[in-house]
Amino acid sequence: MKEGDMLKISVPGSTANLGPGFDSLGLALGKYLTLEVKQAEKFVFIPMTEDVKGIPTNESNLIAQIALKVASLYNRQLPQCEVKVWSDIPMARGVGSSAAAIIAGIELANQLCDLNLSEDEKLRFASLEEGHPDNVGASLYGGLVIGLHEQEQTELVRLTEVEVDCVLVIPKYEVLTSDARNVLPQMLTYKSAVEASAVSNMLVAGLLSNNWNLVGKMMQKDLLHQPYRSELIPEIQLVQEKVKKFGAYGSALSGAGPTVISFVEKGQGDELASYLSNEFVNCQVEHVAIDLQGCRVEQIQRVK
C-alpha cells in the first residue's frame, strides 16, 4: 500500500453449529465487519458504527493483536496505520464477531506486510487462534463450511449451493462463549456419543443434498450443546415452537447464542421475519442473506 492510498477489507459474520454440527459447521452471513486502512504515525482504530463503539482504539484491539502476531510470525514489522471500523455484526451474540475480527487481522497483516498468504495458511492460523474452523472458515471463504481442526492440521470443505433463507432472532442480552462452554458436560456416555455422531452425520447428508427438511429435523435432535445451553437462552425452545408452527425447516442456536437462527424455504425469509418480529417484540429480528464471497480486499488509490 503506497502512502496516501487506502485499503478496504470486508469480512462477513457467520453462524456456527447448526445444531449438531458442533465446532465444525459454519455459514457466512450478510452482516459485515469493514475496515478502511491508511498509513499513519501510530496505530489507531476509529469506531464508525454502534456495534463497535466500545472497541479498544489502540494496539490492544483484537484486530491489531492478530495482525501483529501474524507479522511477527513472518519476521515482519507491521506498519503503523489508521483504521476506521464499521460493523453491523453484534458482539457476543453468536454471529461471529470475534472470528470476523481474527480474519480481518490476518488479512491486514497479509496486505500491509506483502505476505502473499494462501487461503489455507490464513485458515490454519485463524483456526489455531479460535480453536475451531467453523466461524473463521465461513468468514474467510464464504458459503457453508464443514471443517475439522486438530493441532497438527486443519481440514475444510466449502459448499456454495445453499438454497434456503435465514432469519435471526437476536436477544438484547449477551452470552459470553466462556459461559456457554461452562454449562456443557465434561463427557457423554458411549451410547449418547454414537447417537450424537449419527445425528451430525445425517445433518451433513441433508446439507449435501440440499434436503432442508432433513436438516431441520436433525437440528432439533442435537445432543451436544443445545440441551445444556437452553437454560441460559430460553428463546431457543420458544423460537423452535413458533418456527414449526409457521412451517419453516427448523431453528438452532447460532454459535454459542443467544441469537437463534431459523431456516425457511427460499423466498419466505421476509414473511418469517415479520411473523417472528410480532412474536419476539423484545428481540431484534431480521432476514439475512447468505454471503458466498467471504473476506474481500480492495485497494483504493487516492485521487490526485
C-alpha atoms as a PDB file:
ATOM      1  CA  MET A   1       0.000   0.000   0.000  1.00  0.00           C
ATOM      2  CA  LYS A   2       1.500   3.305  -1.097  1.00  0.00           C
ATOM      3  CA  GLU A   3       1.464   6.373   1.098  1.00  0.00           C
ATOM      4  CA  GLY A   4      -1.860   8.139   0.730  1.00  0.00           C
ATOM      5  CA  ASP A   5      -3.617   5.061  -0.660  1.00  0.00           C
ATOM      6  CA  MET A   6      -6.353   3.256   1.238  1.00  0.00           C
ATOM      7  CA  LEU A   7      -7.032  -0.407   1.863  1.00  0.00           C
ATOM      8  CA  LYS A   8     -10.569  -1.712   2.343  1.00  0.00           C
ATOM      9  CA  ILE A   9     -11.165  -5.104   3.990  1.00  0.00           C
ATOM     10  CA  SER A  10     -14.671  -6.562   4.379  1.00  0.00           C
ATOM     11  CA  VAL A  11     -15.356  -9.740   6.354  1.00  0.00           C
ATOM     12  CA  PRO A  12     -18.768 -11.411   6.769  1.00  0.00           C
ATOM     13  CA  GLY A  13     -20.108 -12.580  10.084  1.00  0.00           C
ATOM     14  CA  SER A  14     -21.233 -16.172  10.476  1.00  0.00           C
ATOM     15  CA  THR A  15     -23.400 -18.678  12.243  1.00  0.00           C
ATOM     16  CA  ALA A  16     -21.952 -21.949  13.517  1.00  0.00           C
ATOM     17  CA  ASN A  17     -23.014 -25.428  14.627  1.00  0.00           C
ATOM     18  CA  LEU A  18     -26.491 -25.563  13.013  1.00  0.00           C
ATOM     19  CA  GLY A  19     -27.367 -27.737  15.981  1.00  0.00           C
ATOM     20  CA  PRO A  20     -25.355 -30.991  15.993  1.00  0.00           C
ATOM     21  CA  GLY A  21     -22.510 -29.705  13.797  1.00  0.00           C
ATOM     22  CA  PHE A  22     -20.758 -28.524  16.941  1.00  0.00           C
ATOM     23  CA  ASP A  23     -17.471 -26.664  16.316  1.00  0.00           C
ATOM     24  CA  SER A  24     -17.370 -27.960  12.738  1.00  0.00           C
ATOM     25  CA  LEU A  25     -20.145 -26.340  10.667  1.00  0.00           C
ATOM     26  CA  GLY A  26     -20.238 -22.655   9.717  1.00  0.00           C
ATOM     27  CA  LEU A  27     -22.309 -20.488   7.392  1.00  0.00           C
ATOM     28  CA  ALA A  28     -21.313 -16.992   6.272  1.00  0.00           C
ATOM     29  CA  LEU A  29     -23.975 -14.310   6.766  1.00  0.00           C
ATOM     30  CA  GLY A  30     -24.547 -10.980   5.041  1.00  0.00           C
ATOM     31  CA  LYS A  31     -23.514  -8.908   8.051  1.00  0.00           C
ATOM     32  CA  TYR A  32     -20.081  -7.326   7.777  1.00  0.00           C
ATOM     33  CA  LEU A  33     -17.031  -6.025   9.574  1.00  0.00           C
ATOM     34  CA  THR A  34     -15.389  -3.439   7.302  1.00  0.00           C
ATOM     35  CA  LEU A  35     -12.021  -1.739   7.711  1.00  0.00           C
ATOM     36  CA  GLU A  36     -10.688   1.293   5.865  1.00  0.00           C
ATOM     37  CA  VAL A  37      -6.949   1.475   6.413  1.00  0.00           C
ATOM     38  CA  LYS A  38      -4.388   4.164   5.643  1.00  0.00           C
ATOM     39  CA  GLN A  39      -0.844   4.709   6.822  1.00  0.00           C
ATOM     40  CA  ALA A  40      -0.419   6.873   9.932  1.00  0.00           C
ATOM     41  CA  GLU A  41       2.143   7.781  12.593  1.00  0.00           C
ATOM     42  CA  LYS A  42       0.597   5.406  15.124  1.00  0.00           C
ATOM     43  CA  PHE A  43      -1.935   2.590  15.313  1.00  0.00           C
ATOM     44  CA  VAL A  44      -5.425   3.950  15.927  1.00  0.00           C
ATOM     45  CA  PHE A  45      -8.850   2.350  15.500  1.00  0.00           C
ATOM     46  CA  ILE A  46     -11.827   4.642  14.919  1.00  0.00           C
ATOM     47  CA  PRO A  47     -15.267   3.058  15.513  1.00  0.00           C
ATOM     48  CA  MET A  48     -17.801   4.251  12.950  1.00  0.00           C
ATOM     49  CA  THR A  49     -20.930   2.318  13.962  1.00  0.00           C
ATOM     50  CA  GLU A  50     -22.845   1.449  17.120  1.00  0.00           C
ATOM     51  CA  ASP A  51     -21.840  -2.221  17.241  1.00  0.00           C
ATOM     52  CA  VAL A  52     -18.139  -1.329  17.570  1.00  0.00           C
ATOM     53  CA  LYS A  53     -18.345   1.840  19.650  1.00  0.00           C
ATOM     54  CA  GLY A  54     -16.710   0.162  22.674  1.00  0.00           C
ATOM     55  CA  ILE A  55     -13.722  -1.410  20.924  1.00  0.00           C
ATOM     56  CA  PRO A  56     -10.154  -0.562  22.015  1.00  0.00           C
ATOM     57  CA  THR A  57      -8.758   2.204  19.843  1.00  0.00           C
ATOM     58  CA  ASN A  58      -5.081   1.270  20.174  1.00  0.00           C
ATOM     59  CA  GLU A  59      -2.893  -1.802  19.646  1.00  0.00           C
ATOM     60  CA  SER A  60      -4.856  -3.754  22.279  1.00  0.00           C
ATOM     61  CA  ASN A  61      -7.637  -4.060  19.689  1.00  0.00           C
ATOM     62  CA  LEU A  62      -8.130  -7.728  18.705  1.00  0.00           C
ATOM     63  CA  ILE A  63      -7.624  -6.935  15.022  1.00  0.00           C
ATOM     64  CA  ALA A  64      -4.294  -5.267  15.799  1.00  0.00           C
ATOM     65  CA  GLN A  65      -3.224  -8.090  18.100  1.00  0.00           C
ATOM     66  CA  ILE A  66      -3.843 -10.685  15.398  1.00  0.00           C
ATOM     67  CA  ALA A  67      -2.140  -8.569  12.722  1.00  0.00           C
ATOM     68  CA  LEU A  68       0.914  -8.043  14.933  1.00  0.00           C
ATOM     69  CA  LYS A  69       1.084 -11.757  15.735  1.00  0.00           C
ATOM     70  CA  VAL A  70       0.954 -12.727  12.048  1.00  0.00           C
ATOM     71  CA  ALA A  71       3.565 -10.131  11.102  1.00  0.00           C
ATOM     72  CA  SER A  72       5.849 -11.364  13.888  1.00  0.00           C
ATOM     73  CA  LEU A  73       5.412 -14.960  12.758  1.00  0.00           C
ATOM     74  CA  TYR A  74       6.936 -13.970   9.413  1.00  0.00           C
ATOM     75  CA  ASN A  75       9.549 -11.648  10.945  1.00  0.00           C
ATOM     76  CA  ARG A  76       7.934  -8.530   9.500  1.00  0.00           C
ATOM     77  CA  GLN A  77       7.283  -5.120  11.022  1.00  0.00           C
ATOM     78  CA  LEU A  78       3.631  -4.149  10.793  1.00  0.00           C
ATOM     79  CA  PRO A  79       3.329  -0.549   9.505  1.00  0.00           C
ATOM     80  CA  GLN A  80       1.502   1.949  11.698  1.00  0.00           C
ATOM     81  CA  CYS A  81      -1.916   2.853  10.354  1.00  0.00           C
ATOM     82  CA  GLU A  82      -5.279   4.463  10.992  1.00  0.00           C
ATOM     83  CA  VAL A  83      -8.180   2.030  10.789  1.00  0.00           C
ATOM     84  CA  LYS A  84     -11.799   3.114  10.507  1.00  0.00           C
ATOM     85  CA  VAL A  85     -14.107   0.303  11.604  1.00  0.00           C
ATOM     86  CA  TRP A  86     -17.682  -0.303  10.534  1.00  0.00           C
ATOM     87  CA  SER A  87     -19.733  -3.316  11.642  1.00  0.00           C
ATOM     88  CA  ASP A  88     -23.328  -4.472  11.834  1.00  0.00           C
ATOM     89  CA  ILE A  89     -22.282  -7.754  13.468  1.00  0.00           C
ATOM     90  CA  PRO A  90     -23.491  -7.580  17.094  1.00  0.00           C
ATOM     91  CA  MET A  91     -20.829  -8.541  19.636  1.00  0.00           C
ATOM     92  CA  ALA A  92     -21.191 -11.554  21.969  1.00  0.00           C
ATOM     93  CA  ARG A  93     -24.399 -12.639  20.235  1.00  0.00           C
ATOM     94  CA  GLY A  94     -23.207 -15.779  18.448  1.00  0.00           C
ATOM     95  CA  VAL A  95     -22.883 -14.379  14.928  1.00  0.00           C
ATOM     96  CA  GLY A  96     -19.120 -14.488  14.568  1.00  0.00           C
ATOM     97  CA  SER A  97     -17.916 -11.027  15.587  1.00  0.00           C
ATOM     98  CA  SER A  98     -14.619 -12.293  17.041  1.00  0.00           C
ATOM     99  CA  ALA A  99     -13.999 -14.661  14.124  1.00  0.00           C
ATOM    100  CA  ALA A 100     -14.539 -11.802  11.667  1.00  0.00           C
ATOM    101  CA  ALA A 101     -12.038  -9.706  13.639  1.00  0.00           C
ATOM    102  CA  ILE A 102      -9.480 -12.536  13.505  1.00  0.00           C
ATOM    103  CA  ILE A 103      -9.830 -12.886   9.729  1.00  0.00           C
ATOM    104  CA  ALA A 104      -9.633  -9.094   9.354  1.00  0.00           C
ATOM    105  CA  GLY A 105      -6.416  -9.025  11.415  1.00  0.00           C
ATOM    106  CA  ILE A 106      -4.835 -11.789   9.353  1.00  0.00           C
ATOM    107  CA  GLU A 107      -5.727 -10.032   6.116  1.00  0.00           C
ATOM    108  CA  LEU A 108      -4.481  -6.703   7.456  1.00  0.00           C
ATOM    109  CA  ALA A 109      -1.044  -8.191   8.104  1.00  0.00           C
ATOM    110  CA  ASN A 110      -1.140 -10.068   4.805  1.00  0.00           C
ATOM    111  CA  GLN A 111      -1.732  -6.850   2.874  1.00  0.00           C
ATOM    112  CA  LEU A 112       0.463  -4.428   4.819  1.00  0.00           C
ATOM    113  CA  CYS A 113       3.429  -6.816   5.005  1.00  0.00           C
ATOM    114  CA  ASP A 114       3.060  -8.274   1.478  1.00  0.00           C
ATOM    115  CA  LEU A 115       2.964 -11.808   2.859  1.00  0.00           C
ATOM    116  CA  ASN A 116       1.021 -13.375  -0.043  1.00  0.00           C
ATOM    117  CA  LEU A 117      -0.561 -15.905   2.299  1.00  0.00           C
ATOM    118  CA  SER A 118      -2.633 -18.687   0.763  1.00  0.00           C
ATOM    119  CA  GLU A 119      -6.217 -19.211   1.898  1.00  0.00           C
ATOM    120  CA  ASP A 120      -5.131 -22.457   3.562  1.00  0.00           C
ATOM    121  CA  GLU A 121      -2.452 -20.608   5.537  1.00  0.00           C
ATOM    122  CA  LYS A 122      -4.970 -17.997   6.654  1.00  0.00           C
ATOM    123  CA  LEU A 123      -7.416 -20.715   7.719  1.00  0.00           C
ATOM    124  CA  ARG A 124      -4.740 -22.579   9.640  1.00  0.00           C
ATOM    125  CA  PHE A 125      -3.639 -19.527  11.610  1.00  0.00           C
ATOM    126  CA  ALA A 126      -7.248 -18.470  12.292  1.00  0.00           C
ATOM    127  CA  SER A 127      -8.236 -21.952  13.474  1.00  0.00           C
ATOM    128  CA  LEU A 128      -5.251 -22.151  15.807  1.00  0.00           C
ATOM    129  CA  GLU A 129      -6.297 -18.791  17.231  1.00  0.00           C
ATOM    130  CA  GLU A 130     -10.014 -19.584  17.502  1.00  0.00           C
ATOM    131  CA  GLY A 131      -9.684 -23.274  18.383  1.00  0.00           C
ATOM    132  CA  HIS A 132     -12.078 -24.461  15.678  1.00  0.00           C
ATOM    133  CA  PRO A 133     -12.606 -23.739  11.956  1.00  0.00           C
ATOM    134  CA  ASP A 134     -16.352 -23.124  11.703  1.00  0.00           C
ATOM    135  CA  ASN A 135     -16.787 -19.348  12.122  1.00  0.00           C
ATOM    136  CA  VAL A 136     -13.365 -18.347  10.795  1.00  0.00           C
ATOM    137  CA  GLY A 137     -13.707 -20.696   7.823  1.00  0.00           C
ATOM    138  CA  ALA A 138     -17.077 -19.228   6.879  1.00  0.00           C
ATOM    139  CA  SER A 139     -15.794 -15.653   7.262  1.00  0.00           C
ATOM    140  CA  LEU A 140     -12.740 -16.427   5.155  1.00  0.00           C
ATOM    141  CA  TYR A 141     -14.307 -18.435   2.323  1.00  0.00           C
ATOM    142  CA  GLY A 142     -17.999 -17.546   2.389  1.00  0.00           C
ATOM    143  CA  GLY A 143     -20.792 -20.075   1.922  1.00  0.00           C
ATOM    144  CA  LEU A 144     -21.229 -23.168   4.082  1.00  0.00           C
ATOM    145  CA  VAL A 145     -18.119 -24.806   5.501  1.00  0.00           C
ATOM    146  CA  ILE A 146     -17.537 -28.176   7.146  1.00  0.00           C
ATOM    147  CA  GLY A 147     -14.237 -28.375   8.986  1.00  0.00           C
ATOM    148  CA  LEU A 148     -12.023 -30.320  11.337  1.00  0.00           C
ATOM    149  CA  HIS A 149      -9.298 -28.616  13.356  1.00  0.00           C
ATOM    150  CA  GLU A 150      -6.510 -30.573  15.022  1.00  0.00           C
ATOM    151  CA  GLN A 151      -3.255 -29.383  16.494  1.00  0.00           C
ATOM    152  CA  GLU A 152      -1.369 -30.856  13.534  1.00  0.00           C
ATOM    153  CA  GLN A 153      -3.648 -29.782  10.682  1.00  0.00           C
ATOM    154  CA  THR A 154      -6.931 -28.160   9.669  1.00  0.00           C
ATOM    155  CA  GLU A 155      -9.255 -29.606   7.022  1.00  0.00           C
ATOM    156  CA  LEU A 156     -12.183 -27.787   5.427  1.00  0.00           C
ATOM    157  CA  VAL A 157     -14.792 -28.378   2.718  1.00  0.00           C
ATOM    158  CA  ARG A 158     -16.788 -25.454   1.282  1.00  0.00           C
ATOM    159  CA  LEU A 159     -20.279 -25.632  -0.212  1.00  0.00           C
ATOM    160  CA  THR A 160     -21.879 -22.822  -2.201  1.00  0.00           C
ATOM    161  CA  GLU A 161     -25.238 -24.378  -3.114  1.00  0.00           C
ATOM    162  CA  VAL A 162     -27.256 -23.269  -0.087  1.00  0.00           C
ATOM    163  CA  GLU A 163     -30.863 -22.892  -1.233  1.00  0.00           C
ATOM    164  CA  VAL A 164     -32.503 -21.525   1.896  1.00  0.00           C
ATOM    165  CA  ASP A 165     -33.436 -18.254   3.620  1.00  0.00           C
ATOM    166  CA  CYS A 166     -32.141 -17.354   7.087  1.00  0.00           C
ATOM    167  CA  VAL A 167     -33.822 -15.341   9.830  1.00  0.00           C
ATOM    168  CA  LEU A 168     -32.081 -14.232  13.023  1.00  0.00           C
ATOM    169  CA  VAL A 169     -33.756 -13.643  16.380  1.00  0.00           C
ATOM    170  CA  ILE A 170     -31.218 -11.629  18.378  1.00  0.00           C
ATOM    171  CA  PRO A 171     -31.947 -11.129  22.104  1.00  0.00           C
ATOM    172  CA  LYS A 172     -30.687  -7.942  23.738  1.00  0.00           C
ATOM    173  CA  TYR A 173     -28.525  -9.710  26.309  1.00  0.00           C
ATOM    174  CA  GLU A 174     -25.024 -11.087  25.719  1.00  0.00           C
ATOM    175  CA  VAL A 175     -23.767 -14.613  26.300  1.00  0.00           C
ATOM    176  CA  LEU A 176     -20.010 -14.972  26.503  1.00  0.00           C
ATOM    177  CA  THR A 177     -18.588 -18.066  24.802  1.00  0.00           C
ATOM    178  CA  SER A 178     -16.783 -18.968  28.029  1.00  0.00           C
ATOM    179  CA  ASP A 179     -20.081 -19.001  29.960  1.00  0.00           C
ATOM    180  CA  ALA A 180     -21.784 -21.031  27.235  1.00  0.00           C
ATOM    181  CA  ARG A 181     -18.931 -23.562  27.342  1.00  0.00           C
ATOM    182  CA  ASN A 182     -19.089 -23.865  31.121  1.00  0.00           C
ATOM    183  CA  VAL A 183     -22.616 -25.330  31.069  1.00  0.00           C
ATOM    184  CA  LEU A 184     -21.564 -28.196  28.782  1.00  0.00           C
ATOM    185  CA  PRO A 185     -20.909 -31.667  30.266  1.00  0.00           C
ATOM    186  CA  GLN A 186     -17.376 -32.951  30.621  1.00  0.00           C
ATOM    187  CA  MET A 187     -18.283 -36.210  28.872  1.00  0.00           C
ATOM    188  CA  LEU A 188     -21.093 -38.181  27.230  1.00  0.00           C
ATOM    189  CA  THR A 189     -21.835 -41.872  27.564  1.00  0.00           C
ATOM    190  CA  TYR A 190     -20.625 -44.028  24.679  1.00  0.00           C
ATOM    191  CA  LYS A 191     -24.228 -44.653  23.586  1.00  0.00           C
ATOM    192  CA  SER A 192     -25.002 -40.907  23.585  1.00  0.00           C
ATOM    193  CA  ALA A 193     -21.801 -40.131  21.671  1.00  0.00           C
ATOM    194  CA  VAL A 194     -22.698 -42.649  18.953  1.00  0.00           C
ATOM    195  CA  GLU A 195     -26.206 -41.187  18.676  1.00  0.00           C
ATOM    196  CA  ALA A 196     -24.833 -37.618  18.556  1.00  0.00           C
ATOM    197  CA  SER A 197     -22.423 -38.641  15.805  1.00  0.00           C
ATOM    198  CA  ALA A 198     -25.232 -40.212  13.773  1.00  0.00           C
ATOM    199  CA  VAL A 199     -27.369 -37.078  14.114  1.00  0.00           C
ATOM    200  CA  SER A 200     -24.456 -34.918  12.961  1.00  0.00           C
ATOM    201  CA  ASN A 201     -23.810 -37.241  10.017  1.00  0.00           C
ATOM    202  CA  MET A 202     -27.451 -37.018   8.964  1.00  0.00           C
ATOM    203  CA  LEU A 203     -27.300 -33.226   9.231  1.00  0.00           C
ATOM    204  CA  VAL A 204     -24.343 -33.145   6.829  1.00  0.00           C
ATOM    205  CA  ALA A 205     -26.144 -35.568   4.499  1.00  0.00           C
ATOM    206  CA  GLY A 206     -29.084 -33.177   4.445  1.00  0.00           C
ATOM    207  CA  LEU A 207     -26.822 -30.224   3.695  1.00  0.00           C
ATOM    208  CA  LEU A 208     -25.012 -32.046   0.884  1.00  0.00           C
ATOM    209  CA  SER A 209     -28.299 -32.999  -0.756  1.00  0.00           C
ATOM    210  CA  ASN A 210     -29.989 -29.631  -0.038  1.00  0.00           C
ATOM    211  CA  ASN A 211     -32.657 -31.550   1.899  1.00  0.00           C
ATOM    212  CA  TRP A 212     -33.552 -28.839   4.372  1.00  0.00           C
ATOM    213  CA  ASN A 213     -36.491 -30.746   5.819  1.00  0.00           C
ATOM    214  CA  LEU A 214     -33.948 -33.338   6.978  1.00  0.00           C
ATOM    215  CA  VAL A 215     -31.584 -30.597   8.170  1.00  0.00           C
ATOM    216  CA  GLY A 216     -34.382 -29.085  10.253  1.00  0.00           C
ATOM    217  CA  LYS A 217     -35.189 -32.430  11.889  1.00  0.00           C
ATOM    218  CA  MET A 218     -31.560 -33.037  12.775  1.00  0.00           C
ATOM    219  CA  MET A 219     -31.141 -29.549  14.261  1.00  0.00           C
ATOM    220  CA  GLN A 220     -33.875 -30.440  16.743  1.00  0.00           C
ATOM    221  CA  LYS A 221     -32.089 -33.673  17.716  1.00  0.00           C
ATOM    222  CA  ASP A 222     -28.774 -32.121  18.788  1.00  0.00           C
ATOM    223  CA  LEU A 223     -27.296 -33.780  21.883  1.00  0.00           C
ATOM    224  CA  LEU A 224     -24.018 -31.876  22.054  1.00  0.00           C
ATOM    225  CA  HIS A 225     -24.812 -28.367  23.257  1.00  0.00           C
ATOM    226  CA  GLN A 226     -28.335 -27.017  22.777  1.00  0.00           C
ATOM    227  CA  PRO A 227     -29.987 -29.053  25.575  1.00  0.00           C
ATOM    228  CA  TYR A 228     -27.494 -27.585  28.048  1.00  0.00           C
ATOM    229  CA  ARG A 229     -27.381 -24.023  26.744  1.00  0.00           C
ATOM    230  CA  SER A 230     -31.162 -23.674  26.669  1.00  0.00           C
ATOM    231  CA  GLU A 231     -31.030 -22.932  30.406  1.00  0.00           C
ATOM    232  CA  LEU A 232     -29.050 -19.775  29.538  1.00  0.00           C
ATOM    233  CA  ILE A 233     -31.086 -18.975  26.437  1.00  0.00           C
ATOM    234  CA  PRO A 234     -34.817 -19.684  26.830  1.00  0.00           C
ATOM    235  CA  GLU A 235     -35.525 -18.185  23.390  1.00  0.00           C
ATOM    236  CA  ILE A 236     -34.233 -21.306  21.615  1.00  0.00           C
ATOM    237  CA  GLN A 237     -37.186 -23.515  22.577  1.00  0.00           C
ATOM    238  CA  LEU A 238     -39.685 -20.705  22.015  1.00  0.00           C
ATOM    239  CA  VAL A 239     -38.353 -19.933  18.543  1.00  0.00           C
ATOM    240  CA  GLN A 240     -38.338 -23.625  17.620  1.00  0.00           C
ATOM    241  CA  GLU A 241     -42.007 -23.879  18.568  1.00  0.00           C
ATOM    242  CA  LYS A 242     -43.019 -20.775  16.591  1.00  0.00           C
ATOM    243  CA  VAL A 243     -40.977 -21.751  13.543  1.00  0.00           C
ATOM    244  CA  LYS A 244     -42.539 -25.211  13.491  1.00  0.00           C
ATOM    245  CA  LYS A 245     -45.989 -23.608  13.633  1.00  0.00           C
ATOM    246  CA  PHE A 246     -45.025 -21.345  10.700  1.00  0.00           C
ATOM    247  CA  GLY A 247     -43.924 -24.359   8.643  1.00  0.00           C
ATOM    248  CA  ALA A 248     -40.238 -23.458   8.375  1.00  0.00           C
ATOM    249  CA  TYR A 249     -37.495 -26.077   8.309  1.00  0.00           C
ATOM    250  CA  GLY A 250     -36.124 -25.517  11.804  1.00  0.00           C
ATOM    251  CA  SER A 251     -34.052 -23.430  14.196  1.00  0.00           C
ATOM    252  CA  ALA A 252     -30.770 -23.680  16.044  1.00  0.00           C
ATOM    253  CA  LEU A 253     -28.634 -21.661  18.390  1.00  0.00           C
ATOM    254  CA  SER A 254     -26.279 -19.502  16.371  1.00  0.00           C
ATOM    255  CA  GLY A 255     -22.832 -20.322  17.711  1.00  0.00           C
ATOM    256  CA  ALA A 256     -22.867 -20.046  21.489  1.00  0.00           C
ATOM    257  CA  GLY A 257     -26.022 -17.890  21.341  1.00  0.00           C
ATOM    258  CA  PRO A 258     -28.070 -16.084  22.396  1.00  0.00           C
ATOM    259  CA  THR A 259     -29.016 -15.497  18.741  1.00  0.00           C
ATOM    260  CA  VAL A 260     -31.289 -18.150  17.259  1.00  0.00           C
ATOM    261  CA  ILE A 261     -31.136 -18.756  13.511  1.00  0.00           C
ATOM    262  CA  SER A 262     -34.080 -20.199  11.604  1.00  0.00           C
ATOM    263  CA  PHE A 263     -34.155 -21.669   8.115  1.00  0.00           C
ATOM    264  CA  VAL A 264     -37.091 -21.430   5.769  1.00  0.00           C
ATOM    265  CA  GLU A 265     -37.867 -22.096   2.121  1.00  0.00           C
ATOM    266  CA  LYS A 266     -36.167 -19.716  -0.310  1.00  0.00           C
ATOM    267  CA  GLY A 267     -38.330 -16.625  -0.804  1.00  0.00           C
ATOM    268  CA  GLN A 268     -40.095 -16.858   2.564  1.00  0.00           C
ATOM    269  CA  GLY A 269     -37.461 -15.114   4.682  1.00  0.00           C
ATOM    270  CA  ASP A 270     -39.232 -11.768   4.882  1.00  0.00           C
ATOM    271  CA  GLU A 271     -42.531 -13.395   5.814  1.00  0.00           C
ATOM    272  CA  LEU A 272     -40.916 -15.474   8.559  1.00  0.00           C
ATOM    273  CA  ALA A 273     -39.057 -12.414   9.876  1.00  0.00           C
ATOM    274  CA  SER A 274     -42.311 -10.464  10.058  1.00  0.00           C
ATOM    275  CA  TYR A 275     -44.029 -13.336  11.881  1.00  0.00           C
ATOM    276  CA  LEU A 276     -41.215 -13.719  14.415  1.00  0.00           C
ATOM    277  CA  SER A 277     -40.991  -9.940  14.939  1.00  0.00           C
ATOM    278  CA  ASN A 278     -44.566 -10.000  16.236  1.00  0.00           C
ATOM    279  CA  GLU A 279     -43.797 -12.964  18.499  1.00  0.00           C
ATOM    280  CA  PHE A 280     -40.470 -11.661  19.908  1.00  0.00           C
ATOM    281  CA  VAL A 281     -41.017  -7.950  20.396  1.00  0.00           C
ATOM    282  CA  ASN A 282     -38.042  -7.601  22.775  1.00  0.00           C
ATOM    283  CA  CYS A 283     -35.585  -9.061  20.261  1.00  0.00           C
ATOM    284  CA  GLN A 284     -34.094  -7.818  17.019  1.00  0.00           C
ATOM    285  CA  VAL A 285     -35.422  -9.959  14.177  1.00  0.00           C
ATOM    286  CA  GLU A 286     -34.066  -9.836  10.634  1.00  0.00           C
ATOM    287  CA  HIS A 287     -33.897 -11.771   7.423  1.00  0.00           C
ATOM    288  CA  VAL A 288     -30.215 -12.011   6.453  1.00  0.00           C
ATOM    289  CA  ALA A 289     -28.588 -13.091   3.218  1.00  0.00           C
ATOM    290  CA  ILE A 290     -26.019 -15.863   2.930  1.00  0.00           C
ATOM    291  CA  ASP A 291     -22.612 -14.500   1.930  1.00  0.00           C
ATOM    292  CA  LEU A 292     -20.836 -16.536  -0.762  1.00  0.00           C
ATOM    293  CA  GLN A 293     -17.714 -14.378  -1.200  1.00  0.00           C
ATOM    294  CA  GLY A 294     -16.066 -14.414   2.199  1.00  0.00           C
ATOM    295  CA  CYS A 295     -13.283 -11.959   3.029  1.00  0.00           C
ATOM    296  CA  ARG A 296     -12.646  -9.413   0.284  1.00  0.00           C
ATOM    297  CA  VAL A 297      -9.977  -6.753  -0.215  1.00  0.00           C
ATOM    298  CA  GLU A 298      -9.970  -3.578  -2.260  1.00  0.00           C
ATOM    299  CA  GLN A 299      -7.060  -1.243  -2.880  1.00  0.00           C
ATOM    300  CA  ILE A 300      -8.275   2.357  -3.202  1.00  0.00           C
ATOM    301  CA  GLN A 301      -5.856   4.823  -4.748  1.00  0.00           C
ATOM    302  CA  ARG A 302      -6.002   8.427  -3.640  1.00  0.00           C
ATOM    303  CA  VAL A 303      -7.500  10.943  -6.039  1.00  0.00           C
ATOM    304  CA  LYS A 304      -4.884  13.439  -7.221  1.00  0.00           C
END
